[in-house]
């Protein structure tokens, strides 16, 4: 059995043979052709790929540019993108048809648990249509607003998109946002109405919505059921007919765009690349336009949906490339790769993601600092939209201030740190980046700019140094059934929002557009919106710059001493309610002492809220059985003087768990 150790052999072949024999797939001792690799019978050029061919390297030269299509699936959360991708994989023979095929491309544990897509995933499909073999490169994208950066990056490697809309729910907020991302990138859009098998599905109503909102004729919509596989084949045919092939030239020098990357413990960085020009193969020397470092290519291939090595990758194709990049900072997303001594004009890359929410991340135990540092570096390689700044706190030690695209993004990042790297962390309450316009020339010289950005509330400048404060604002889109409109308008007004537009997209559904201050929606707005509308309203937002605001820095005092970690920046109108909440939370968290503790919220020298933690008291009157009142008064006075003295010299050590309770994101607010 071990005699067949020729070129291209590896032990897995023997295992494959053993597995097929034990499964009763052939007579004992007979090796199946698929397990023998290159020595097996040659595949006819017109024969489609099967699972047997996956053992050998694929010859990608069989797919000329005109037979290649690169496309993404975009939609709102839970409209069936990943299910449709599963059907595509089954139809093209990439995976076997079984009942267990649910979200095959969602590989992360957090995606499986939450039932959402977090990372855009690539799969190359081989599809036979009208006697021609086509290469379809599919990218399945996330639907949640917090991961729109993944969507915009994926679209850079595509020429067209499938816009999937739920036949039951119709157009939602993220459908609109994703459509405009594709529209701005000038991609072909194929509308697909999914879930037509549902009892309450109304595809005709959804067709009218698509025509009204996106100006796409209703006869272009394809009605399918991804779950049952109804009419899915016609979507693949529409991809071939309606999406143009990539504009790429194989004869030019290599130009490849890195649009995603992951870190493998053994092989280093695996870069997902889209080739715009040229050819790349194993052994080529390539240079990164960003770092100017030279690497030798160890392996190229396509994802089908698992890694499948190929001899070469050609212009217009999407695949992966391993080139011995050992350091996580070397594979920058948006980088251009080219052949050594053949420099080319770098591709435009991506505009960097703009963090919307900042939170402090600290190790629970400072001895874990280096492990957490490595984990954050590896995870930020895979999720390049997170920004990292070193930070330290008197109470929590050394850590980082991380910038995220939203609250769900922050939760998912934290969950991935725990699941993939076993790192337990303390996450502080999220804050948003404010700006301050400095007043004097001396200060401008000191800070080296007139407008400074503040991501840590403790560094918020005093009002005397500043002409005005600016807070970030976002343009929010809410789509809701019209019976909830009144409640939602009241909620928006309570959050200091300004209405910009209101439009009926059909008889029962309204699209509202509001300008929101970002700090008003960052923690619990989405939950409030869902509970007000019984879960029917959907919300999406985009950055809309900064506006002037009356902001104040609120200090928290314990017996007159400021606690640095609890400093917050709030709007003047909300200062009292926020201050009272923090004081109440601290009162519940602080252990009682032998002296009274005054917890105060202050703006400058003005106290706006106070709570008191009462002192432990010995009953000094226990020994008095009646007697004169002056005797009792004397004992109580002496006790009060002792407490007063203790309060002066007593130092309040705030325990770490009390900080964690107050600083942690509050789900019960």
Foldseek 3Di string as FASTA:
>chain_A
DVVPPDPLDDCVLVVVQVVCVVVVVDDPPDRDLLSSEPVRDDDDLLDADAPSNLSYAAAVVSADLQQEFEEEEAEAWPLQLLLLVLLQLCQQRLDPDDPPSDSPQQDDPVCVVVVWRQAWAWAWGWDADPSGTHIYIYIYATRDQQRVVRLLLSLVLHQAYEQEAEQQQAHADSSLVSVVSNVVVVHHYQYEYEDCVDPRGHNVLNLLLCCLRVVDHSVSYHYAYSNVSGPSVVVVVCSSVGGGGAQEEAPAFWKKAFSFWAADPPQGIKTKIATRYHKDFAQFWKAKPVPRDIFGWHFWAAPNVHGRTHGMDGHRDITITGTRPHFLVPDDHQIIMTTPPRDDDHDPGDDAADFFKKKWKAAQDVVCVVLLVVLVSRVCSRVVNKDWDWDAFPARGTTIIIGGSADVRVVVSQVCCCVVRVTHIQIFAIDGKKKFAFDDPVVCVVVVHRIDIDRALLPDDDPVGTPFIKFWKKKKKKKAFVVLVVVVVVLCVVQVKDWDDWDASDDTMIITIIIGRSVSCRACVVVVVCVSRVNSMHMHIDTDGIDTAQKFWKFKDKLRHTRSLPIDIDGPVCQLVVFQVLQVLLLVLADAEQAKIWIFIDGPPRTRYIDINHHDDDPQCPPPDDDDVVVVVVSVVVSVVVRVVCSVVPDGDGHSVSSSSSGHRDPPD
